Amino acid sequence: MPTLRSVERAVANTEGFDVTIRHADGRDIRSDKTGVPGYPYRKGARNDFTVAEWRKQRFRICYPGYKVTVWLYDGTEAGGGMRLSTVRGSYLG
């Protein structure tokens, strides 16, 4: 099974934005934690998904008991109502 760091990279490569995965209570997790299931998606979610929809329909299904933060390119957190097209667009400069 992959490490947490490799799962975060897989999400970034597939979805086009950076994430940080934490325990459900918000505590940090060591990035070398093993035993985390791999990210199963090969194609990014639709651009019209919101961050909240992506969390519900993709992340929480694969990683129950964990919390995820979605980041804009400038290092600020993407709000739940933000469209993935906007999040991805922030990485294009």
PDB file of N, CA and C in Angstrom:
ATOM      1  N   MET A   1       0.845  -1.182   0.000  1.00  0.00           N
ATOM      2  CA  MET A   1       0.000   0.000   0.000  1.00  0.00           C
ATOM      3  C   MET A   1       0.891   1.246   0.000  1.00  0.00           C
ATOM      4  N   PRO A   2       0.414   2.295  -0.631  1.00  0.00           N
ATOM      5  CA  PRO A   2       1.225   3.511  -0.752  1.00  0.00           C
ATOM      6  C   PRO A   2       1.328   4.288   0.566  1.00  0.00           C
ATOM      7  N   THR A   3       2.225   5.252   0.559  1.00  0.00           N
ATOM      8  CA  THR A   3       2.340   6.154   1.700  1.00  0.00           C
ATOM      9  C   THR A   3       1.336   7.296   1.531  1.00  0.00           C
ATOM     10  N   LEU A   4       1.111   8.005   2.617  1.00  0.00           N
ATOM     11  CA  LEU A   4       0.210   9.160   2.564  1.00  0.00           C
ATOM     12  C   LEU A   4       0.734  10.183   1.559  1.00  0.00           C
ATOM     13  N   ARG A   5       2.030  10.419   1.548  1.00  0.00           N
ATOM     14  CA  ARG A   5       2.634  11.376   0.618  1.00  0.00           C
ATOM     15  C   ARG A   5       2.344  10.978  -0.826  1.00  0.00           C
ATOM     16  N   SER A   6       2.448   9.693  -1.139  1.00  0.00           N
ATOM     17  CA  SER A   6       2.206   9.263  -2.521  1.00  0.00           C
ATOM     18  C   SER A   6       0.726   9.392  -2.893  1.00  0.00           C
ATOM     19  N   VAL A   7      -0.166   9.224  -1.934  1.00  0.00           N
ATOM     20  CA  VAL A   7      -1.596   9.427  -2.204  1.00  0.00           C
ATOM     21  C   VAL A   7      -1.861  10.909  -2.487  1.00  0.00           C
ATOM     22  N   GLU A   8      -1.273  11.798  -1.690  1.00  0.00           N
ATOM     23  CA  GLU A   8      -1.446  13.235  -1.936  1.00  0.00           C
ATOM     24  C   GLU A   8      -0.912  13.609  -3.319  1.00  0.00           C
ATOM     25  N   ARG A   9       0.211  13.028  -3.732  1.00  0.00           N
ATOM     26  CA  ARG A   9       0.757  13.283  -5.073  1.00  0.00           C
ATOM     27  C   ARG A   9      -0.162  12.728  -6.152  1.00  0.00           C
ATOM     28  N   ALA A  10      -0.727  11.549  -5.915  1.00  0.00           N
ATOM     29  CA  ALA A  10      -1.636  10.943  -6.903  1.00  0.00           C
ATOM     30  C   ALA A  10      -2.879  11.803  -7.090  1.00  0.00           C
ATOM     31  N   VAL A  11      -3.406  12.338  -5.990  1.00  0.00           N
ATOM     32  CA  VAL A  11      -4.558  13.244  -6.091  1.00  0.00           C
ATOM     33  C   VAL A  11      -4.159  14.464  -6.916  1.00  0.00           C
ATOM     34  N   ALA A  12      -3.003  15.048  -6.614  1.00  0.00           N
ATOM     35  CA  ALA A  12      -2.548  16.235  -7.352  1.00  0.00           C
ATOM     36  C   ALA A  12      -2.384  15.937  -8.840  1.00  0.00           C
ATOM     37  N   ASN A  13      -1.788  14.810  -9.163  1.00  0.00           N
ATOM     38  CA  ASN A  13      -1.571  14.450 -10.571  1.00  0.00           C
ATOM     39  C   ASN A  13      -2.875  14.193 -11.307  1.00  0.00           C
ATOM     40  N   THR A  14      -3.841  13.587 -10.626  1.00  0.00           N
ATOM     41  CA  THR A  14      -5.118  13.259 -11.252  1.00  0.00           C
ATOM     42  C   THR A  14      -6.058  14.453 -11.300  1.00  0.00           C
ATOM     43  N   GLU A  15      -6.159  15.168 -10.185  1.00  0.00           N
ATOM     44  CA  GLU A  15      -7.162  16.225 -10.062  1.00  0.00           C
ATOM     45  C   GLU A  15      -6.669  17.605 -10.471  1.00  0.00           C
ATOM     46  N   GLY A  16      -5.352  17.817 -10.435  1.00  0.00           N
ATOM     47  CA  GLY A  16      -4.823  19.108 -10.859  1.00  0.00           C
ATOM     48  C   GLY A  16      -4.747  20.139  -9.750  1.00  0.00           C
ATOM     49  N   PHE A  17      -4.748  19.697  -8.493  1.00  0.00           N
ATOM     50  CA  PHE A  17      -4.580  20.612  -7.358  1.00  0.00           C
ATOM     51  C   PHE A  17      -3.967  19.855  -6.192  1.00  0.00           C
ATOM     52  N   ASP A  18      -3.320  20.605  -5.312  1.00  0.00           N
ATOM     53  CA  ASP A  18      -2.661  20.013  -4.150  1.00  0.00           C
ATOM     54  C   ASP A  18      -3.642  19.825  -3.007  1.00  0.00           C
ATOM     55  N   VAL A  19      -3.395  18.802  -2.211  1.00  0.00           N
ATOM     56  CA  VAL A  19      -4.213  18.514  -1.031  1.00  0.00           C
ATOM     57  C   VAL A  19      -3.312  18.150   0.140  1.00  0.00           C
ATOM     58  N   THR A  20      -3.862  18.282   1.327  1.00  0.00           N
ATOM     59  CA  THR A  20      -3.239  17.785   2.542  1.00  0.00           C
ATOM     60  C   THR A  20      -4.264  16.911   3.245  1.00  0.00           C
ATOM     61  N   ILE A  21      -3.868  15.701   3.554  1.00  0.00           N
ATOM     62  CA  ILE A  21      -4.757  14.755   4.227  1.00  0.00           C
ATOM     63  C   ILE A  21      -4.392  14.725   5.705  1.00  0.00           C
ATOM     64  N   ARG A  22      -5.423  14.788   6.559  1.00  0.00           N
ATOM     65  CA  ARG A  22      -5.227  14.776   8.005  1.00  0.00           C
ATOM     66  C   ARG A  22      -6.210  13.811   8.640  1.00  0.00           C
ATOM     67  N   HIS A  23      -5.999  13.556   9.936  1.00  0.00           N
ATOM     68  CA  HIS A  23      -6.986  12.798  10.697  1.00  0.00           C
ATOM     69  C   HIS A  23      -8.301  13.573  10.702  1.00  0.00           C
ATOM     70  N   ALA A  24      -9.401  12.888  10.942  1.00  0.00           N
ATOM     71  CA  ALA A  24     -10.717  13.526  10.940  1.00  0.00           C
ATOM     72  C   ALA A  24     -10.810  14.668  11.947  1.00  0.00           C
ATOM     73  N   ASP A  25     -10.046  14.574  13.035  1.00  0.00           N
ATOM     74  CA  ASP A  25     -10.079  15.634  14.041  1.00  0.00           C
ATOM     75  C   ASP A  25      -9.119  16.776  13.726  1.00  0.00           C
ATOM     76  N   GLY A  26      -8.460  16.717  12.552  1.00  0.00           N
ATOM     77  CA  GLY A  26      -7.580  17.788  12.119  1.00  0.00           C
ATOM     78  C   GLY A  26      -6.111  17.606  12.453  1.00  0.00           C
ATOM     79  N   ARG A  27      -5.774  16.576  13.226  1.00  0.00           N
ATOM     80  CA  ARG A  27      -4.368  16.338  13.568  1.00  0.00           C
ATOM     81  C   ARG A  27      -3.574  15.944  12.326  1.00  0.00           C
ATOM     82  N   ASP A  28      -2.323  16.374  12.300  1.00  0.00           N
ATOM     83  CA  ASP A  28      -1.429  15.997  11.199  1.00  0.00           C
ATOM     84  C   ASP A  28      -1.163  14.495  11.216  1.00  0.00           C
ATOM     85  N   ILE A  29      -0.824  13.987  10.052  1.00  0.00           N
ATOM     86  CA  ILE A  29      -0.429  12.591   9.889  1.00  0.00           C
ATOM     87  C   ILE A  29       0.957  12.607   9.255  1.00  0.00           C
ATOM     88  N   ARG A  30       1.829  11.730   9.718  1.00  0.00           N
ATOM     89  CA  ARG A  30       3.156  11.641   9.100  1.00  0.00           C
ATOM     90  C   ARG A  30       3.002  11.285   7.626  1.00  0.00           C
ATOM     91  N   SER A  31       3.746  11.969   6.784  1.00  0.00           N
ATOM     92  CA  SER A  31       3.628  11.739   5.342  1.00  0.00           C
ATOM     93  C   SER A  31       4.164  10.373   4.925  1.00  0.00           C
ATOM     94  N   ASP A  32       4.955   9.733   5.792  1.00  0.00           N
ATOM     95  CA  ASP A  32       5.458   8.402   5.454  1.00  0.00           C
ATOM     96  C   ASP A  32       4.575   7.280   6.010  1.00  0.00           C
ATOM     97  N   LYS A  33       3.379   7.648   6.484  1.00  0.00           N
ATOM     98  CA  LYS A  33       2.426   6.637   6.971  1.00  0.00           C
ATOM     99  C   LYS A  33       2.090   5.690   5.826  1.00  0.00           C
ATOM    100  N   THR A  34       2.153   4.416   6.092  1.00  0.00           N
ATOM    101  CA  THR A  34       1.833   3.410   5.081  1.00  0.00           C
ATOM    102  C   THR A  34       0.462   2.809   5.377  1.00  0.00           C
ATOM    103  N   GLY A  35       0.001   1.967   4.478  1.00  0.00           N
ATOM    104  CA  GLY A  35      -1.280   1.305   4.669  1.00  0.00           C
ATOM    105  C   GLY A  35      -2.466   2.138   4.223  1.00  0.00           C
ATOM    106  N   VAL A  36      -2.202   3.230   3.528  1.00  0.00           N
ATOM    107  CA  VAL A  36      -3.266   4.091   3.017  1.00  0.00           C
ATOM    108  C   VAL A  36      -3.640   3.578   1.630  1.00  0.00           C
ATOM    109  N   PRO A  37      -4.925   3.379   1.360  1.00  0.00           N
ATOM    110  CA  PRO A  37      -5.302   2.909   0.019  1.00  0.00           C
ATOM    111  C   PRO A  37      -4.892   3.910  -1.060  1.00  0.00           C
ATOM    112  N   GLY A  38      -4.557   3.416  -2.222  1.00  0.00           N
ATOM    113  CA  GLY A  38      -4.203   4.290  -3.336  1.00  0.00           C
ATOM    114  C   GLY A  38      -5.403   5.082  -3.829  1.00  0.00           C
ATOM    115  N   TYR A  39      -5.133   6.195  -4.501  1.00  0.00           N
ATOM    116  CA  TYR A  39      -6.212   6.996  -5.087  1.00  0.00           C
ATOM    117  C   TYR A  39      -6.688   6.278  -6.338  1.00  0.00           C
ATOM    118  N   PRO A  40      -7.948   5.839  -6.378  1.00  0.00           N
ATOM    119  CA  PRO A  40      -8.378   4.940  -7.452  1.00  0.00           C
ATOM    120  C   PRO A  40      -8.756   5.605  -8.772  1.00  0.00           C
ATOM    121  N   TYR A  41      -8.871   6.926  -8.785  1.00  0.00           N
ATOM    122  CA  TYR A  41      -9.351   7.601  -9.988  1.00  0.00           C
ATOM    123  C   TYR A  41      -8.200   7.892 -10.942  1.00  0.00           C
ATOM    124  N   ARG A  42      -8.468   7.746 -12.220  1.00  0.00           N
ATOM    125  CA  ARG A  42      -7.462   8.004 -13.250  1.00  0.00           C
ATOM    126  C   ARG A  42      -7.757   9.278 -14.030  1.00  0.00           C
ATOM    127  N   LYS A  43      -8.977   9.775 -13.888  1.00  0.00           N
ATOM    128  CA  LYS A  43      -9.411  10.987 -14.581  1.00  0.00           C
ATOM    129  C   LYS A  43      -9.954  11.954 -13.533  1.00  0.00           C
ATOM    130  N   GLY A  44      -9.617  13.229 -13.670  1.00  0.00           N
ATOM    131  CA  GLY A  44     -10.079  14.232 -12.717  1.00  0.00           C
ATOM    132  C   GLY A  44     -11.589  14.384 -12.722  1.00  0.00           C
ATOM    133  N   ALA A  45     -12.111  14.826 -11.597  1.00  0.00           N
ATOM    134  CA  ALA A  45     -13.553  15.102 -11.474  1.00  0.00           C
ATOM    135  C   ALA A  45     -13.921  16.265 -12.405  1.00  0.00           C
ATOM    136  N   ARG A  46     -15.191  16.358 -12.705  1.00  0.00           N
ATOM    137  CA  ARG A  46     -15.684  17.405 -13.606  1.00  0.00           C
ATOM    138  C   ARG A  46     -15.346  18.793 -13.069  1.00  0.00           C
ATOM    139  N   ASN A  47     -15.061  19.712 -13.959  1.00  0.00           N
ATOM    140  CA  ASN A  47     -14.732  21.085 -13.583  1.00  0.00           C
ATOM    141  C   ASN A  47     -15.857  21.786 -12.854  1.00  0.00           C
ATOM    142  N   ASP A  48     -17.115  21.379 -13.098  1.00  0.00           N
ATOM    143  CA  ASP A  48     -18.218  22.072 -12.438  1.00  0.00           C
ATOM    144  C   ASP A  48     -18.510  21.529 -11.032  1.00  0.00           C
ATOM    145  N   PHE A  49     -17.778  20.517 -10.595  1.00  0.00           N
ATOM    146  CA  PHE A  49     -17.873  20.067  -9.202  1.00  0.00           C
ATOM    147  C   PHE A  49     -17.382  21.197  -8.300  1.00  0.00           C
ATOM    148  N   THR A  50     -17.989  21.318  -7.133  1.00  0.00           N
ATOM    149  CA  THR A  50     -17.420  22.195  -6.120  1.00  0.00           C
ATOM    150  C   THR A  50     -16.426  21.376  -5.299  1.00  0.00           C
ATOM    151  N   VAL A  51     -15.625  22.058  -4.517  1.00  0.00           N
ATOM    152  CA  VAL A  51     -14.697  21.371  -3.625  1.00  0.00           C
ATOM    153  C   VAL A  51     -15.480  20.465  -2.678  1.00  0.00           C
ATOM    154  N   ALA A  52     -16.601  20.950  -2.159  1.00  0.00           N
ATOM    155  CA  ALA A  52     -17.426  20.141  -1.247  1.00  0.00           C
ATOM    156  C   ALA A  52     -17.961  18.892  -1.938  1.00  0.00           C
ATOM    157  N   GLU A  53     -18.388  19.009  -3.194  1.00  0.00           N
ATOM    158  CA  GLU A  53     -18.871  17.839  -3.936  1.00  0.00           C
ATOM    159  C   GLU A  53     -17.742  16.841  -4.165  1.00  0.00           C
ATOM    160  N   TRP A  54     -16.557  17.345  -4.509  1.00  0.00           N
ATOM    161  CA  TRP A  54     -15.416  16.461  -4.709  1.00  0.00           C
ATOM    162  C   TRP A  54     -15.086  15.708  -3.419  1.00  0.00           C
ATOM    163  N   ARG A  55     -15.095  16.418  -2.311  1.00  0.00           N
ATOM    164  CA  ARG A  55     -14.828  15.757  -1.028  1.00  0.00           C
ATOM    165  C   ARG A  55     -15.847  14.650  -0.765  1.00  0.00           C
ATOM    166  N   LYS A  56     -17.110  14.954  -0.991  1.00  0.00           N
ATOM    167  CA  LYS A  56     -18.177  13.996  -0.692  1.00  0.00           C
ATOM    168  C   LYS A  56     -18.180  12.822  -1.670  1.00  0.00           C
ATOM    169  N   GLN A  57     -18.053  13.085  -2.955  1.00  0.00           N
ATOM    170  CA  GLN A  57     -18.232  12.049  -3.968  1.00  0.00           C
ATOM    171  C   GLN A  57     -16.958  11.288  -4.311  1.00  0.00           C
ATOM    172  N   ARG A  58     -15.818  11.824  -3.947  1.00  0.00           N
ATOM    173  CA  ARG A  58     -14.573  11.126  -4.245  1.00  0.00           C
ATOM    174  C   ARG A  58     -13.755  10.840  -2.992  1.00  0.00           C
ATOM    175  N   PHE A  59     -13.396  11.888  -2.273  1.00  0.00           N
ATOM    176  CA  PHE A  59     -12.452  11.702  -1.164  1.00  0.00           C
ATOM    177  C   PHE A  59     -13.039  10.877  -0.021  1.00  0.00           C
ATOM    178  N   ARG A  60     -14.181  11.257   0.492  1.00  0.00           N
ATOM    179  CA  ARG A  60     -14.742  10.573   1.681  1.00  0.00           C
ATOM    180  C   ARG A  60     -15.092   9.122   1.417  1.00  0.00           C
ATOM    181  N   ILE A  61     -15.431   8.803   0.190  1.00  0.00           N
ATOM    182  CA  ILE A  61     -15.737   7.411  -0.163  1.00  0.00           C
ATOM    183  C   ILE A  61     -14.480   6.560  -0.046  1.00  0.00           C
ATOM    184  N   CYS A  62     -13.353   7.099  -0.498  1.00  0.00           N
ATOM    185  CA  CYS A  62     -12.090   6.351  -0.498  1.00  0.00           C
ATOM    186  C   CYS A  62     -11.372   6.397   0.845  1.00  0.00           C
ATOM    187  N   TYR A  63     -11.550   7.486   1.585  1.00  0.00           N
ATOM    188  CA  TYR A  63     -10.768   7.708   2.803  1.00  0.00           C
ATOM    189  C   TYR A  63     -11.660   8.122   3.977  1.00  0.00           C
ATOM    190  N   PRO A  64     -12.574   7.242   4.374  1.00  0.00           N
ATOM    191  CA  PRO A  64     -13.411   7.575   5.527  1.00  0.00           C
ATOM    192  C   PRO A  64     -12.522   7.713   6.768  1.00  0.00           C
ATOM    193  N   GLY A  65     -12.866   8.636   7.625  1.00  0.00           N
ATOM    194  CA  GLY A  65     -12.075   8.848   8.826  1.00  0.00           C
ATOM    195  C   GLY A  65     -10.926   9.826   8.640  1.00  0.00           C
ATOM    196  N   TYR A  66     -10.798  10.366   7.433  1.00  0.00           N
ATOM    197  CA  TYR A  66      -9.767  11.363   7.164  1.00  0.00           C
ATOM    198  C   TYR A  66     -10.423  12.657   6.702  1.00  0.00           C
ATOM    199  N   LYS A  67      -9.670  13.737   6.818  1.00  0.00           N
ATOM    200  CA  LYS A  67     -10.103  15.063   6.389  1.00  0.00           C
ATOM    201  C   LYS A  67      -9.119  15.528   5.323  1.00  0.00           C
ATOM    202  N   VAL A  68      -9.579  16.313   4.371  1.00  0.00           N
ATOM    203  CA  VAL A  68      -8.693  16.796   3.314  1.00  0.00           C
ATOM    204  C   VAL A  68      -8.855  18.301   3.138  1.00  0.00           C
ATOM    205  N   THR A  69      -7.729  18.959   2.946  1.00  0.00           N
ATOM    206  CA  THR A  69      -7.719  20.375   2.609  1.00  0.00           C
ATOM    207  C   THR A  69      -7.274  20.494   1.164  1.00  0.00           C
ATOM    208  N   VAL A  70      -8.031  21.269   0.393  1.00  0.00           N
ATOM    209  CA  VAL A  70      -7.702  21.530  -1.011  1.00  0.00           C
ATOM    210  C   VAL A  70      -7.062  22.912  -1.060  1.00  0.00           C
ATOM    211  N   TRP A  71      -5.927  23.007  -1.763  1.00  0.00           N
ATOM    212  CA  TRP A  71      -5.154  24.246  -1.810  1.00  0.00           C
ATOM    213  C   TRP A  71      -5.197  24.905  -3.172  1.00  0.00           C
ATOM    214  N   LEU A  72      -5.280  26.223  -3.171  1.00  0.00           N
ATOM    215  CA  LEU A  72      -5.061  27.002  -4.380  1.00  0.00           C
ATOM    216  C   LEU A  72      -3.554  27.126  -4.584  1.00  0.00           C
ATOM    217  N   TYR A  73      -3.142  27.512  -5.765  1.00  0.00           N
ATOM    218  CA  TYR A  73      -1.721  27.602  -6.078  1.00  0.00           C
ATOM    219  C   TYR A  73      -0.972  28.536  -5.134  1.00  0.00           C
ATOM    220  N   ASP A  74      -1.628  29.610  -4.694  1.00  0.00           N
ATOM    221  CA  ASP A  74      -0.948  30.589  -3.834  1.00  0.00           C
ATOM    222  C   ASP A  74      -0.846  30.147  -2.381  1.00  0.00           C
ATOM    223  N   GLY A  75      -1.307  28.927  -2.084  1.00  0.00           N
ATOM    224  CA  GLY A  75      -1.190  28.391  -0.728  1.00  0.00           C
ATOM    225  C   GLY A  75      -2.361  28.673   0.177  1.00  0.00           C
ATOM    226  N   THR A  76      -3.401  29.301  -0.348  1.00  0.00           N
ATOM    227  CA  THR A  76      -4.600  29.516   0.450  1.00  0.00           C
ATOM    228  C   THR A  76      -5.553  28.341   0.266  1.00  0.00           C
ATOM    229  N   GLU A  77      -6.373  28.125   1.271  1.00  0.00           N
ATOM    230  CA  GLU A  77      -7.317  27.010   1.240  1.00  0.00           C
ATOM    231  C   GLU A  77      -8.487  27.342   0.329  1.00  0.00           C
ATOM    232  N   ALA A  78      -8.895  26.383  -0.484  1.00  0.00           N
ATOM    233  CA  ALA A  78     -10.056  26.540  -1.361  1.00  0.00           C
ATOM    234  C   ALA A  78     -11.321  26.284  -0.544  1.00  0.00           C
ATOM    235  N   GLY A  79     -12.273  27.173  -0.631  1.00  0.00           N
ATOM    236  CA  GLY A  79     -13.543  27.020   0.079  1.00  0.00           C
ATOM    237  C   GLY A  79     -14.397  25.936  -0.539  1.00  0.00           C
ATOM    238  N   GLY A  80     -15.312  25.403   0.241  1.00  0.00           N
ATOM    239  CA  GLY A  80     -16.159  24.311  -0.208  1.00  0.00           C
ATOM    240  C   GLY A  80     -17.038  24.635  -1.396  1.00  0.00           C
ATOM    241  N   GLY A  81     -17.417  25.895  -1.556  1.00  0.00           N
ATOM    242  CA  GLY A  81     -18.278  26.286  -2.663  1.00  0.00           C
ATOM    243  C   GLY A  81     -17.531  26.625  -3.940  1.00  0.00           C
ATOM    244  N   MET A  82     -16.219  26.592  -3.893  1.00  0.00           N
ATOM    245  CA  MET A  82     -15.414  26.936  -5.069  1.00  0.00           C
ATOM    246  C   MET A  82     -15.453  25.808  -6.094  1.00  0.00           C
ATOM    247  N   ARG A  83     -15.596  26.156  -7.340  1.00  0.00           N
ATOM    248  CA  ARG A  83     -15.600  25.172  -8.427  1.00  0.00           C
ATOM    249  C   ARG A  83     -14.180  24.655  -8.669  1.00  0.00           C
ATOM    250  N   LEU A  84     -14.090  23.393  -9.045  1.00  0.00           N
ATOM    251  CA  LEU A  84     -12.780  22.808  -9.330  1.00  0.00           C
ATOM    252  C   LEU A  84     -12.107  23.516 -10.493  1.00  0.00           C
ATOM    253  N   SER A  85     -12.885  24.046 -11.425  1.00  0.00           N
ATOM    254  CA  SER A  85     -12.285  24.794 -12.549  1.00  0.00           C
ATOM    255  C   SER A  85     -11.506  25.999 -12.025  1.00  0.00           C
ATOM    256  N   THR A  86     -12.020  26.646 -10.996  1.00  0.00           N
ATOM    257  CA  THR A  86     -11.337  27.795 -10.402  1.00  0.00           C
ATOM    258  C   THR A  86     -10.081  27.362  -9.673  1.00  0.00           C
ATOM    259  N   VAL A  87     -10.194  26.253  -8.923  1.00  0.00           N
ATOM    260  CA  VAL A  87      -9.035  25.739  -8.199  1.00  0.00           C
ATOM    261  C   VAL A  87      -7.942  25.367  -9.191  1.00  0.00           C
ATOM    262  N   ARG A  88      -8.289  24.597 -10.200  1.00  0.00           N
ATOM    263  CA  ARG A  88      -7.308  24.184 -11.203  1.00  0.00           C
ATOM    264  C   ARG A  88      -6.731  25.372 -11.945  1.00  0.00           C
ATOM    265  N   GLY A  89      -7.561  26.345 -12.244  1.00  0.00           N
ATOM    266  CA  GLY A  89      -7.113  27.531 -12.950  1.00  0.00           C
ATOM    267  C   GLY A  89      -6.068  28.312 -12.181  1.00  0.00           C
ATOM    268  N   SER A  90      -6.097  28.231 -10.860  1.00  0.00           N
ATOM    269  CA  SER A  90      -5.116  28.963 -10.056  1.00  0.00           C
ATOM    270  C   SER A  90      -3.705  28.417 -10.270  1.00  0.00           C
ATOM    271  N   TYR A  91      -3.594  27.169 -10.718  1.00  0.00           N
ATOM    272  CA  TYR A  91      -2.290  26.546 -10.968  1.00  0.00           C
ATOM    273  C   TYR A  91      -1.739  26.891 -12.357  1.00  0.00           C
ATOM    274  N   LEU A  92      -2.583  27.439 -13.198  1.00  0.00           N
ATOM    275  CA  LEU A  92      -2.162  27.746 -14.554  1.00  0.00           C
ATOM    276  C   LEU A  92      -1.535  29.122 -14.674  1.00  0.00           C
ATOM    277  N   GLY A  93      -1.659  29.899 -13.608  1.00  0.00           N
ATOM    278  CA  GLY A  93      -1.002  31.220 -13.559  1.00  0.00           C
ATOM    279  C   GLY A  93      -1.745  32.233 -14.320  1.00  0.00           C
TER     280      GLY A  93
END
